[in-house]
N, C-alpha and C. Protein backbone atom coordinates (compact mmCIF):
# COMPACT_ATOMS: atom_id res chain seq x y z
N MET A 1 0.77 -1.16 -0.20
CA MET A 1 -0.06 0.01 -0.08
C MET A 1 0.79 1.37 0.10
N LYS A 2 2.01 1.22 0.88
CA LYS A 2 2.74 2.38 1.02
C LYS A 2 3.50 2.76 -0.60
N LYS A 3 3.93 1.62 -1.10
CA LYS A 3 4.56 1.70 -2.46
C LYS A 3 3.37 2.27 -3.48
N LEU A 4 2.11 1.96 -3.49
CA LEU A 4 1.06 2.63 -4.13
C LEU A 4 0.87 3.94 -3.91
N THR A 5 0.90 4.35 -2.63
CA THR A 5 0.77 5.87 -2.33
C THR A 5 2.10 6.64 -2.87
N GLN A 6 3.11 5.93 -2.84
CA GLN A 6 4.45 6.90 -3.33
C GLN A 6 4.36 6.98 -4.71
N LEU A 7 3.85 5.83 -5.42
CA LEU A 7 4.02 5.86 -6.82
C LEU A 7 2.73 6.88 -7.26
N SER A 8 1.73 6.80 -6.69
CA SER A 8 0.63 8.01 -7.01
C SER A 8 0.88 9.39 -6.71
N ILE A 9 1.88 9.70 -5.79
CA ILE A 9 2.18 10.94 -5.37
C ILE A 9 3.37 11.31 -6.55
N ALA A 10 4.23 10.34 -7.01
CA ALA A 10 5.22 10.54 -7.98
C ALA A 10 4.59 11.00 -9.24
N LEU A 11 3.63 10.03 -9.66
CA LEU A 11 2.64 10.37 -10.99
C LEU A 11 1.90 11.63 -10.84
N ALA A 12 1.70 12.23 -9.70
CA ALA A 12 0.75 13.50 -9.74
C ALA A 12 1.73 14.58 -9.98
N LEU A 13 3.07 14.28 -9.22
CA LEU A 13 4.21 15.62 -9.48
C LEU A 13 4.55 15.45 -10.81
N MET A 14 4.68 14.35 -11.34
CA MET A 14 5.07 14.38 -13.01
C MET A 14 4.32 15.05 -13.85
N ALA A 15 2.99 14.61 -13.66
CA ALA A 15 1.91 15.31 -14.24
C ALA A 15 1.69 16.81 -14.27
N SER A 16 1.92 17.09 -12.95
CA SER A 16 1.67 18.62 -12.68
C SER A 16 2.98 19.34 -13.50
N ALA A 17 4.21 18.86 -13.26
CA ALA A 17 5.27 19.33 -14.15
C ALA A 17 5.24 19.46 -15.43
N ALA A 18 4.29 18.43 -16.10
CA ALA A 18 4.28 18.52 -17.66
C ALA A 18 3.11 19.63 -18.02
N LEU A 19 2.36 19.96 -17.08
CA LEU A 19 1.60 21.03 -17.48
C LEU A 19 2.08 22.46 -17.89
N PRO A 20 1.58 23.34 -18.86
CA PRO A 20 2.27 24.55 -18.91
C PRO A 20 2.10 25.60 -17.91
N ALA A 21 3.03 26.24 -17.82
CA ALA A 21 3.02 27.09 -16.62
C ALA A 21 2.19 28.31 -16.82
N MET A 22 1.19 28.38 -15.86
CA MET A 22 -0.01 29.43 -15.96
C MET A 22 0.78 30.76 -15.97
N ALA A 23 0.53 31.86 -17.03
CA ALA A 23 1.03 33.00 -17.14
C ALA A 23 0.25 33.92 -16.24
N ALA A 24 0.83 34.76 -15.61
CA ALA A 24 0.09 35.77 -14.52
C ALA A 24 0.17 37.23 -15.41
N PRO A 25 -0.73 37.84 -14.86
CA PRO A 25 -0.54 39.27 -15.73
C PRO A 25 0.66 39.96 -15.54
N GLU A 26 1.02 40.72 -16.46
CA GLU A 26 2.42 41.56 -16.31
C GLU A 26 2.21 43.03 -16.81
N THR A 27 2.73 43.64 -15.93
CA THR A 27 2.40 45.15 -15.97
C THR A 27 3.73 45.93 -16.85
N TYR A 28 3.31 46.74 -17.64
CA TYR A 28 4.28 47.44 -18.51
C TYR A 28 3.89 49.07 -18.34
N ALA A 29 5.27 49.54 -18.06
CA ALA A 29 5.14 51.14 -18.01
C ALA A 29 5.29 51.86 -19.39
N VAL A 30 4.32 52.84 -19.61
CA VAL A 30 4.60 53.54 -21.00
C VAL A 30 5.80 54.10 -21.13
N ASP A 31 6.78 53.93 -22.00
CA ASP A 31 7.82 54.74 -22.29
C ASP A 31 7.45 56.08 -23.01
N SER A 32 7.45 57.05 -21.88
CA SER A 32 7.37 58.49 -22.46
C SER A 32 8.18 58.94 -23.73
N ASN A 33 9.48 58.58 -23.70
CA ASN A 33 10.25 58.93 -24.66
C ASN A 33 9.83 58.34 -25.94
N HIS A 34 9.21 57.15 -25.99
CA HIS A 34 8.83 56.60 -27.56
C HIS A 34 7.20 56.32 -27.66
N SER A 35 6.42 57.11 -26.90
CA SER A 35 4.85 56.98 -27.02
C SER A 35 4.26 58.37 -27.14
N PHE A 36 3.66 58.68 -28.15
CA PHE A 36 3.22 59.91 -28.69
C PHE A 36 1.82 59.64 -29.48
N PRO A 37 0.74 60.27 -28.76
CA PRO A 37 -0.66 60.51 -29.41
C PRO A 37 -0.35 61.51 -30.42
N ARG A 38 -0.97 61.39 -31.67
CA ARG A 38 -1.04 62.35 -32.51
C ARG A 38 -2.42 62.46 -33.00
N PHE A 39 -2.79 63.76 -33.64
CA PHE A 39 -4.10 63.96 -34.15
C PHE A 39 -3.95 64.65 -35.32
N SER A 40 -4.72 64.32 -36.27
CA SER A 40 -4.96 65.03 -37.61
C SER A 40 -6.42 65.34 -37.97
N TYR A 41 -6.59 66.26 -38.77
CA TYR A 41 -7.86 66.68 -39.23
C TYR A 41 -7.55 67.65 -40.54
N ASN A 42 -8.82 67.84 -40.96
CA ASN A 42 -8.89 68.76 -42.43
C ASN A 42 -8.98 70.25 -41.91
N HIS A 43 -8.10 71.07 -42.39
CA HIS A 43 -7.80 72.38 -42.35
C HIS A 43 -8.48 73.18 -43.49
N PHE A 44 -9.87 73.70 -43.22
CA PHE A 44 -10.40 74.47 -44.48
C PHE A 44 -10.60 73.76 -45.86
N GLY A 45 -10.34 72.49 -45.94
CA GLY A 45 -10.44 71.83 -47.02
C GLY A 45 -8.95 71.99 -47.97
N LEU A 46 -7.97 72.82 -47.17
CA LEU A 46 -6.79 72.80 -47.80
C LEU A 46 -5.68 71.75 -47.35
N SER A 47 -5.74 71.31 -46.19
CA SER A 47 -4.55 70.48 -45.94
C SER A 47 -4.93 69.68 -44.84
N THR A 48 -4.40 68.49 -44.58
CA THR A 48 -4.59 67.80 -43.42
C THR A 48 -3.30 68.15 -42.39
N GLN A 49 -3.84 68.52 -41.17
CA GLN A 49 -2.84 69.09 -40.11
C GLN A 49 -2.60 68.01 -39.21
N VAL A 50 -1.52 67.67 -38.89
CA VAL A 50 -1.23 66.58 -38.03
C VAL A 50 -0.16 67.34 -36.98
N SER A 51 -0.53 67.16 -35.42
CA SER A 51 0.00 67.55 -34.31
C SER A 51 0.08 66.29 -33.47
N ARG A 52 0.96 66.51 -32.39
CA ARG A 52 1.05 65.37 -31.40
C ARG A 52 1.19 66.11 -29.94
N PHE A 53 1.19 65.12 -29.10
CA PHE A 53 1.39 65.42 -27.46
C PHE A 53 2.65 64.80 -27.07
N ASN A 54 3.61 65.67 -26.37
CA ASN A 54 4.91 65.20 -26.18
C ASN A 54 4.95 64.55 -24.90
N ASN A 55 4.12 64.50 -23.90
CA ASN A 55 4.06 63.92 -22.60
C ASN A 55 2.99 62.84 -22.15
N THR A 56 3.24 61.71 -22.47
CA THR A 56 2.09 60.63 -22.05
C THR A 56 2.61 59.50 -21.05
N THR A 57 1.84 59.28 -20.10
CA THR A 57 2.38 58.34 -19.16
C THR A 57 1.07 57.20 -19.01
N GLY A 58 1.38 56.20 -18.47
CA GLY A 58 0.38 55.19 -18.18
C GLY A 58 1.01 53.89 -18.10
N THR A 59 -0.12 52.92 -18.08
CA THR A 59 0.50 51.25 -17.74
C THR A 59 -0.48 50.34 -18.71
N VAL A 60 0.18 49.22 -19.16
CA VAL A 60 -0.46 48.22 -19.92
C VAL A 60 -0.32 47.01 -19.16
N VAL A 61 -1.54 46.28 -19.08
CA VAL A 61 -1.24 45.10 -18.31
C VAL A 61 -1.71 43.85 -19.32
N LEU A 62 -0.87 42.94 -19.38
CA LEU A 62 -1.19 41.72 -20.28
C LEU A 62 -1.14 40.43 -19.57
N ASP A 63 -2.04 39.51 -19.90
CA ASP A 63 -1.92 38.25 -19.42
C ASP A 63 -2.10 37.55 -20.73
N LYS A 64 -0.89 37.10 -21.34
CA LYS A 64 -0.50 36.44 -22.66
C LYS A 64 -1.26 35.11 -22.71
N ALA A 65 -1.38 34.38 -21.43
CA ALA A 65 -2.13 33.03 -21.64
C ALA A 65 -3.46 33.18 -21.77
N ALA A 66 -4.11 34.04 -21.14
CA ALA A 66 -5.45 34.14 -20.85
C ALA A 66 -5.90 35.30 -22.18
N LYS A 67 -4.89 35.67 -22.70
CA LYS A 67 -5.34 36.57 -23.86
C LYS A 67 -6.34 37.83 -23.31
N THR A 68 -5.83 38.54 -22.25
CA THR A 68 -6.70 39.60 -21.63
C THR A 68 -5.67 40.73 -21.45
N GLY A 69 -6.32 41.95 -21.32
CA GLY A 69 -5.33 42.85 -20.98
C GLY A 69 -5.88 43.97 -20.53
N SER A 70 -5.31 45.35 -20.23
CA SER A 70 -5.98 46.60 -20.16
C SER A 70 -4.77 47.81 -20.19
N VAL A 71 -5.36 48.78 -20.47
CA VAL A 71 -4.69 50.01 -20.95
C VAL A 71 -5.13 51.18 -20.27
N ASP A 72 -4.31 51.94 -19.46
CA ASP A 72 -4.43 52.93 -18.88
C ASP A 72 -3.53 54.14 -19.34
N VAL A 73 -3.87 55.20 -20.05
CA VAL A 73 -3.04 56.28 -20.46
C VAL A 73 -3.60 57.64 -20.09
N VAL A 74 -2.46 58.41 -19.67
CA VAL A 74 -2.96 59.89 -19.41
C VAL A 74 -1.81 60.76 -20.27
N ILE A 75 -2.69 61.70 -20.89
CA ILE A 75 -2.15 62.58 -21.87
C ILE A 75 -2.02 63.87 -21.31
N ASP A 76 -0.89 64.62 -21.35
CA ASP A 76 -0.66 65.99 -20.82
C ASP A 76 -1.11 66.56 -22.14
N MET A 77 -1.99 67.27 -21.90
CA MET A 77 -2.85 68.27 -23.08
C MET A 77 -1.94 69.53 -23.29
N LYS A 78 -1.19 70.05 -22.17
CA LYS A 78 -0.43 71.10 -22.32
C LYS A 78 0.98 70.85 -23.03
N SER A 79 1.14 69.58 -23.31
CA SER A 79 2.36 69.16 -24.15
C SER A 79 2.02 69.13 -25.52
N VAL A 80 0.93 69.83 -25.95
CA VAL A 80 0.68 69.80 -27.49
C VAL A 80 1.63 70.39 -28.35
N ASP A 81 1.68 69.66 -29.46
CA ASP A 81 3.05 70.34 -30.27
C ASP A 81 2.58 70.41 -31.79
N THR A 82 2.15 71.46 -32.16
CA THR A 82 1.42 71.72 -33.61
C THR A 82 2.59 72.10 -34.57
N GLY A 83 3.85 72.49 -33.95
CA GLY A 83 4.85 72.88 -34.89
C GLY A 83 4.81 74.22 -34.82
N SER A 84 4.01 74.86 -34.24
CA SER A 84 3.92 76.51 -34.14
C SER A 84 3.86 77.02 -32.56
N ASN A 85 4.64 77.56 -31.98
CA ASN A 85 4.39 78.00 -30.72
C ASN A 85 3.03 79.03 -30.54
N VAL A 86 2.87 79.87 -31.63
CA VAL A 86 1.43 80.64 -31.51
C VAL A 86 0.09 79.73 -31.50
N PHE A 87 0.43 78.66 -32.62
CA PHE A 87 -0.88 77.65 -32.49
C PHE A 87 -1.06 76.88 -31.41
N ASN A 88 0.18 76.54 -30.70
CA ASN A 88 0.05 75.65 -29.61
C ASN A 88 -0.83 76.36 -28.49
N GLY A 89 -0.52 77.92 -28.12
CA GLY A 89 -1.22 78.61 -27.28
C GLY A 89 -2.76 78.65 -27.75
N HIS A 90 -2.85 78.89 -29.10
CA HIS A 90 -4.25 78.83 -29.48
C HIS A 90 -5.22 77.69 -29.32
N ILE A 91 -4.47 76.48 -29.34
CA ILE A 91 -5.37 75.41 -29.54
C ILE A 91 -5.42 74.87 -28.01
N GLN A 92 -4.60 75.40 -27.04
CA GLN A 92 -4.84 75.04 -25.52
C GLN A 92 -5.95 76.02 -25.06
N GLY A 93 -6.43 76.94 -25.97
CA GLY A 93 -7.31 77.93 -25.45
C GLY A 93 -8.89 77.23 -25.13
N GLU A 94 -9.82 78.09 -24.69
CA GLU A 94 -11.24 77.54 -24.24
C GLU A 94 -11.86 77.05 -25.50
N ASP A 95 -11.73 77.57 -26.62
CA ASP A 95 -12.48 76.96 -27.78
C ASP A 95 -12.05 75.73 -28.31
N PHE A 96 -11.00 75.03 -27.86
CA PHE A 96 -10.42 73.80 -28.33
C PHE A 96 -10.04 72.93 -27.02
N LEU A 97 -8.98 72.92 -26.51
CA LEU A 97 -8.41 71.83 -25.48
C LEU A 97 -8.90 72.45 -24.15
N ASP A 98 -8.79 73.73 -24.02
CA ASP A 98 -9.33 74.32 -22.57
C ASP A 98 -8.19 73.76 -21.45
N THR A 99 -6.95 73.72 -21.92
CA THR A 99 -5.95 73.13 -21.00
C THR A 99 -5.78 73.71 -19.55
N ALA A 100 -6.18 75.05 -19.36
CA ALA A 100 -6.35 75.80 -18.16
C ALA A 100 -7.39 75.05 -17.18
N LYS A 101 -8.37 74.50 -17.56
CA LYS A 101 -9.30 73.55 -16.85
C LYS A 101 -9.10 72.20 -17.02
N PHE A 102 -8.66 71.82 -17.99
CA PHE A 102 -8.63 70.10 -18.38
C PHE A 102 -7.28 70.10 -18.90
N PRO A 103 -5.98 69.98 -18.04
CA PRO A 103 -4.87 69.92 -18.40
C PRO A 103 -4.50 68.34 -18.69
N SER A 104 -5.28 67.44 -18.77
CA SER A 104 -5.00 65.89 -19.03
C SER A 104 -6.40 65.58 -19.57
N ALA A 105 -6.14 64.67 -20.74
CA ALA A 105 -6.89 63.50 -21.23
C ALA A 105 -6.51 62.18 -20.91
N THR A 106 -7.72 61.38 -20.81
CA THR A 106 -7.32 59.76 -20.49
C THR A 106 -7.95 58.96 -21.16
N PHE A 107 -7.29 57.70 -21.35
CA PHE A 107 -8.12 56.81 -22.12
C PHE A 107 -7.80 55.50 -20.97
N LYS A 108 -9.00 54.78 -20.90
CA LYS A 108 -9.16 53.78 -19.79
C LYS A 108 -9.81 52.55 -20.49
N SER A 109 -9.18 51.50 -20.94
CA SER A 109 -9.61 50.28 -21.64
C SER A 109 -10.81 49.55 -20.83
N THR A 110 -11.76 49.13 -21.42
CA THR A 110 -12.96 48.28 -20.63
C THR A 110 -12.58 46.86 -21.46
N LYS A 111 -12.11 46.66 -22.61
CA LYS A 111 -11.97 45.35 -23.17
C LYS A 111 -10.78 45.41 -24.23
N VAL A 112 -9.91 44.26 -24.37
CA VAL A 112 -8.92 44.08 -25.25
C VAL A 112 -9.29 42.80 -25.90
N VAL A 113 -9.32 43.11 -27.27
CA VAL A 113 -9.70 41.90 -28.25
C VAL A 113 -8.65 41.54 -28.82
N PHE A 114 -8.49 39.85 -28.83
CA PHE A 114 -7.24 39.37 -29.46
C PHE A 114 -7.39 38.54 -30.60
N GLU A 115 -6.72 38.37 -31.68
CA GLU A 115 -6.90 37.34 -32.47
C GLU A 115 -5.51 36.71 -32.50
N GLY A 116 -5.54 35.36 -31.86
CA GLY A 116 -4.27 34.78 -31.72
C GLY A 116 -3.79 35.32 -30.72
N ASP A 117 -2.25 35.67 -30.77
CA ASP A 117 -1.63 36.14 -29.60
C ASP A 117 -1.62 37.71 -29.56
N LYS A 118 -2.15 38.36 -30.65
CA LYS A 118 -2.11 39.76 -30.85
C LYS A 118 -3.32 40.43 -30.54
N PRO A 119 -3.35 41.78 -29.88
CA PRO A 119 -4.52 42.44 -29.68
C PRO A 119 -4.78 43.13 -31.05
N THR A 120 -6.16 43.30 -31.31
CA THR A 120 -6.53 43.71 -32.69
C THR A 120 -7.54 44.99 -32.43
N THR A 121 -8.25 45.08 -31.15
CA THR A 121 -8.99 46.17 -30.98
C THR A 121 -8.89 46.45 -29.51
N ILE A 122 -8.88 47.77 -29.15
CA ILE A 122 -8.91 48.03 -27.59
C ILE A 122 -10.26 48.78 -27.46
N GLU A 123 -11.24 48.39 -26.56
CA GLU A 123 -12.42 49.17 -26.37
C GLU A 123 -12.33 50.03 -25.07
N GLY A 124 -12.82 51.24 -24.98
CA GLY A 124 -12.24 51.95 -23.81
C GLY A 124 -13.04 53.18 -23.67
N ASN A 125 -12.84 53.97 -22.68
CA ASN A 125 -13.52 55.41 -22.51
C ASN A 125 -12.22 56.42 -22.48
N LEU A 126 -12.74 57.37 -23.44
CA LEU A 126 -11.69 58.48 -23.72
C LEU A 126 -12.43 59.79 -23.06
N THR A 127 -11.65 60.16 -22.35
CA THR A 127 -12.09 61.55 -21.68
C THR A 127 -11.26 62.71 -22.14
N ILE A 128 -12.03 63.80 -22.70
CA ILE A 128 -11.35 64.92 -23.23
C ILE A 128 -12.30 66.15 -22.58
N LYS A 129 -11.59 67.16 -22.01
CA LYS A 129 -12.30 68.12 -21.69
C LYS A 129 -13.43 67.90 -20.81
N GLY A 130 -13.23 66.89 -20.00
CA GLY A 130 -14.34 66.45 -18.98
C GLY A 130 -15.62 65.62 -19.63
N VAL A 131 -15.35 65.43 -20.79
CA VAL A 131 -16.49 64.72 -21.56
C VAL A 131 -15.90 63.04 -21.67
N THR A 132 -16.67 62.12 -21.45
CA THR A 132 -16.08 60.81 -21.58
C THR A 132 -17.04 60.25 -22.60
N LYS A 133 -16.26 59.26 -23.58
CA LYS A 133 -17.25 58.90 -24.61
C LYS A 133 -16.60 57.50 -24.79
N PRO A 134 -17.15 56.38 -25.24
CA PRO A 134 -16.78 55.15 -25.45
C PRO A 134 -15.93 55.19 -26.91
N VAL A 135 -14.90 54.64 -27.05
CA VAL A 135 -14.18 54.55 -28.43
C VAL A 135 -13.72 53.21 -28.62
N THR A 136 -13.26 52.70 -29.85
CA THR A 136 -12.52 51.57 -29.93
C THR A 136 -11.46 51.83 -31.09
N LEU A 137 -10.20 51.57 -30.34
CA LEU A 137 -8.81 51.80 -31.10
C LEU A 137 -8.64 50.53 -31.80
N LYS A 138 -8.29 50.71 -33.19
CA LYS A 138 -8.06 49.65 -33.94
C LYS A 138 -6.37 49.62 -33.94
N VAL A 139 -6.02 48.29 -33.36
CA VAL A 139 -4.45 48.23 -33.39
C VAL A 139 -4.02 47.75 -34.68
N THR A 140 -3.17 48.43 -35.26
CA THR A 140 -2.57 48.22 -36.66
C THR A 140 -1.12 47.43 -36.80
N SER A 141 -0.48 47.52 -35.53
CA SER A 141 0.49 46.82 -35.29
C SER A 141 0.84 46.41 -33.92
N TYR A 142 1.58 45.33 -33.63
CA TYR A 142 1.83 45.10 -32.31
C TYR A 142 2.93 44.06 -32.27
N THR A 143 3.91 44.36 -31.34
CA THR A 143 5.17 43.71 -31.12
C THR A 143 5.58 43.32 -29.70
N ASN A 144 5.74 42.32 -29.34
CA ASN A 144 6.43 41.91 -28.15
C ASN A 144 7.65 41.18 -28.10
N MET A 145 8.79 41.76 -27.48
CA MET A 145 10.06 41.18 -27.69
C MET A 145 10.75 41.89 -26.37
N GLU A 146 12.25 41.16 -26.70
CA GLU A 146 13.08 41.56 -25.57
C GLU A 146 13.61 42.89 -26.12
N HIS A 147 13.77 43.92 -25.51
CA HIS A 147 14.41 45.28 -25.91
C HIS A 147 15.92 44.91 -26.01
N PRO A 148 16.38 45.38 -27.39
CA PRO A 148 17.81 44.97 -27.77
C PRO A 148 18.79 45.80 -26.90
N MET A 149 18.43 46.94 -26.33
CA MET A 149 19.22 47.83 -25.39
C MET A 149 19.08 47.32 -23.90
N LEU A 150 17.81 47.43 -23.51
CA LEU A 150 17.50 47.57 -22.14
C LEU A 150 17.50 46.09 -21.64
N LYS A 151 17.43 45.21 -22.41
CA LYS A 151 17.39 43.72 -22.11
C LYS A 151 16.20 43.53 -21.20
N LYS A 152 15.00 44.03 -21.39
CA LYS A 152 13.91 43.83 -20.61
C LYS A 152 12.66 43.55 -21.77
N ASP A 153 11.75 42.72 -21.40
CA ASP A 153 10.44 42.62 -22.22
C ASP A 153 9.99 43.91 -22.46
N VAL A 154 9.54 44.22 -23.62
CA VAL A 154 8.58 45.10 -24.09
C VAL A 154 7.66 44.80 -25.17
N ILE A 155 6.71 45.96 -25.21
CA ILE A 155 5.76 45.88 -26.13
C ILE A 155 5.65 47.10 -26.90
N GLY A 156 5.29 47.09 -28.22
CA GLY A 156 5.03 48.10 -28.91
C GLY A 156 3.80 48.08 -29.76
N ALA A 157 3.15 49.09 -30.21
CA ALA A 157 2.02 48.97 -30.95
C ALA A 157 1.76 50.39 -31.60
N ASP A 158 0.99 50.40 -32.53
CA ASP A 158 0.41 51.49 -33.28
C ASP A 158 -1.37 51.13 -33.21
N ALA A 159 -2.13 52.31 -32.85
CA ALA A 159 -3.56 52.07 -32.73
C ALA A 159 -3.93 53.47 -33.26
N SER A 160 -5.28 53.56 -33.64
CA SER A 160 -6.00 54.62 -34.18
C SER A 160 -7.58 54.67 -33.91
N VAL A 161 -8.02 55.85 -33.72
CA VAL A 161 -9.39 55.86 -33.87
C VAL A 161 -10.05 57.19 -34.37
N VAL A 162 -11.05 57.33 -35.15
CA VAL A 162 -11.72 58.67 -35.60
C VAL A 162 -12.85 59.13 -34.62
N ILE A 163 -12.65 60.16 -34.02
CA ILE A 163 -13.66 60.99 -33.11
C ILE A 163 -14.02 62.30 -33.71
N LYS A 164 -15.43 62.61 -33.14
CA LYS A 164 -15.77 63.99 -33.58
C LYS A 164 -15.40 64.80 -32.60
N ARG A 165 -14.64 65.98 -32.83
CA ARG A 165 -14.29 66.99 -31.69
C ARG A 165 -15.37 67.56 -31.10
N SER A 166 -16.47 67.82 -31.90
CA SER A 166 -17.54 68.74 -31.41
C SER A 166 -18.23 67.80 -30.23
N GLU A 167 -18.00 66.62 -30.01
CA GLU A 167 -18.74 65.68 -29.17
C GLU A 167 -17.99 65.86 -27.86
N PHE A 168 -16.75 66.45 -27.87
CA PHE A 168 -15.88 66.82 -26.77
C PHE A 168 -15.72 68.10 -26.53
N LYS A 169 -16.80 69.02 -26.94
CA LYS A 169 -16.78 70.38 -26.59
C LYS A 169 -15.39 71.16 -27.11
N ALA A 170 -15.05 70.82 -28.45
CA ALA A 170 -14.09 71.32 -29.17
C ALA A 170 -14.37 71.63 -30.44
N GLY A 171 -15.78 71.89 -30.80
CA GLY A 171 -15.91 72.04 -32.31
C GLY A 171 -15.82 73.28 -32.89
N LYS A 172 -15.16 74.23 -32.36
CA LYS A 172 -15.22 75.65 -32.96
C LYS A 172 -14.76 75.67 -34.39
N TYR A 173 -15.47 76.26 -35.23
CA TYR A 173 -15.10 76.36 -36.72
C TYR A 173 -15.56 75.01 -37.54
N ALA A 174 -16.19 74.15 -36.88
CA ALA A 174 -16.82 73.09 -37.66
C ALA A 174 -17.84 73.67 -38.41
N PRO A 175 -18.16 73.22 -39.60
CA PRO A 175 -17.49 71.94 -40.44
C PRO A 175 -16.33 72.39 -41.09
N TYR A 176 -15.91 73.94 -41.34
CA TYR A 176 -14.78 74.39 -42.05
C TYR A 176 -13.53 73.81 -41.80
N VAL A 177 -13.35 73.85 -40.31
CA VAL A 177 -12.11 73.02 -39.72
C VAL A 177 -12.85 71.69 -39.37
N GLY A 178 -12.23 70.54 -40.15
CA GLY A 178 -12.96 69.29 -40.08
C GLY A 178 -13.48 68.87 -38.38
N ASP A 179 -14.66 68.41 -38.45
CA ASP A 179 -15.02 67.76 -37.08
C ASP A 179 -14.31 66.47 -36.77
N ASP A 180 -14.20 65.82 -37.84
CA ASP A 180 -13.56 64.36 -37.50
C ASP A 180 -12.17 64.63 -37.48
N VAL A 181 -11.66 64.10 -36.25
CA VAL A 181 -10.19 63.96 -35.87
C VAL A 181 -9.68 62.66 -35.85
N THR A 182 -8.78 62.14 -36.45
CA THR A 182 -7.99 60.96 -36.36
C THR A 182 -7.13 61.05 -35.14
N ILE A 183 -7.33 60.21 -34.51
CA ILE A 183 -6.02 59.85 -33.21
C ILE A 183 -5.38 58.71 -33.26
N SER A 184 -4.24 58.83 -33.48
CA SER A 184 -3.28 57.60 -33.73
C SER A 184 -2.31 57.59 -32.62
N ILE A 185 -2.04 56.70 -32.03
CA ILE A 185 -0.91 56.51 -31.02
C ILE A 185 0.16 55.56 -31.15
N ALA A 186 1.41 55.94 -31.14
CA ALA A 186 2.48 55.07 -31.28
C ALA A 186 2.93 55.00 -29.74
N VAL A 187 2.96 53.63 -29.17
CA VAL A 187 3.09 53.38 -27.86
C VAL A 187 4.22 52.26 -27.83
N GLU A 188 5.32 52.53 -26.87
CA GLU A 188 6.01 51.54 -26.54
C GLU A 188 5.84 51.42 -24.75
N ALA A 189 6.20 50.11 -24.31
CA ALA A 189 5.91 50.11 -22.87
C ALA A 189 6.97 48.93 -22.41
N ILE A 190 7.58 49.19 -21.04
CA ILE A 190 8.70 48.40 -20.80
C ILE A 190 7.87 47.55 -19.52
N LYS A 191 8.24 46.19 -19.38
CA LYS A 191 7.95 45.37 -18.42
C LYS A 191 8.34 45.89 -17.29
N GLN A 192 7.50 45.96 -16.07
CA GLN A 192 8.37 46.42 -14.67
C GLN A 192 8.43 44.97 -13.89
């Protein structure tokens, strides 16, 4: 009987060792030096204007085995960079970003949808000027690898969504200045 018990324990240990290790959620910090939300819109039918925000922070949590995740990003709206100091000040005014009252915008995911090992869409709530709306970011590229210089696990992605700026109380001069704004974000995040 003792040998049968020992054999059962040995078999149970071998079976558990053969199971794949369950991955746990991993947290990645947004790399502010390589993560820039950009926005573009039509300017009086003349051209597409592209600007960006220079200061972005946040976290990404991934459970690769369960194919789940979350994204929490904060954008410093005062870091807007249009390429013109005069226009940077203009766009921070009450008619547009109103950074005196609303210095940051946020995106908080509610669901990350995967196809295979890669996220394809990120659903969540975007808050600009105190207005929160549900949006779905389409992920156009995604990479998970060891960073060649840092020797740490990193993720990188590009994603985009189109919003109506008038829905966020920033619709001055619409429709002459386009109401549709494409937001695209290049993000890199480092495992903590």
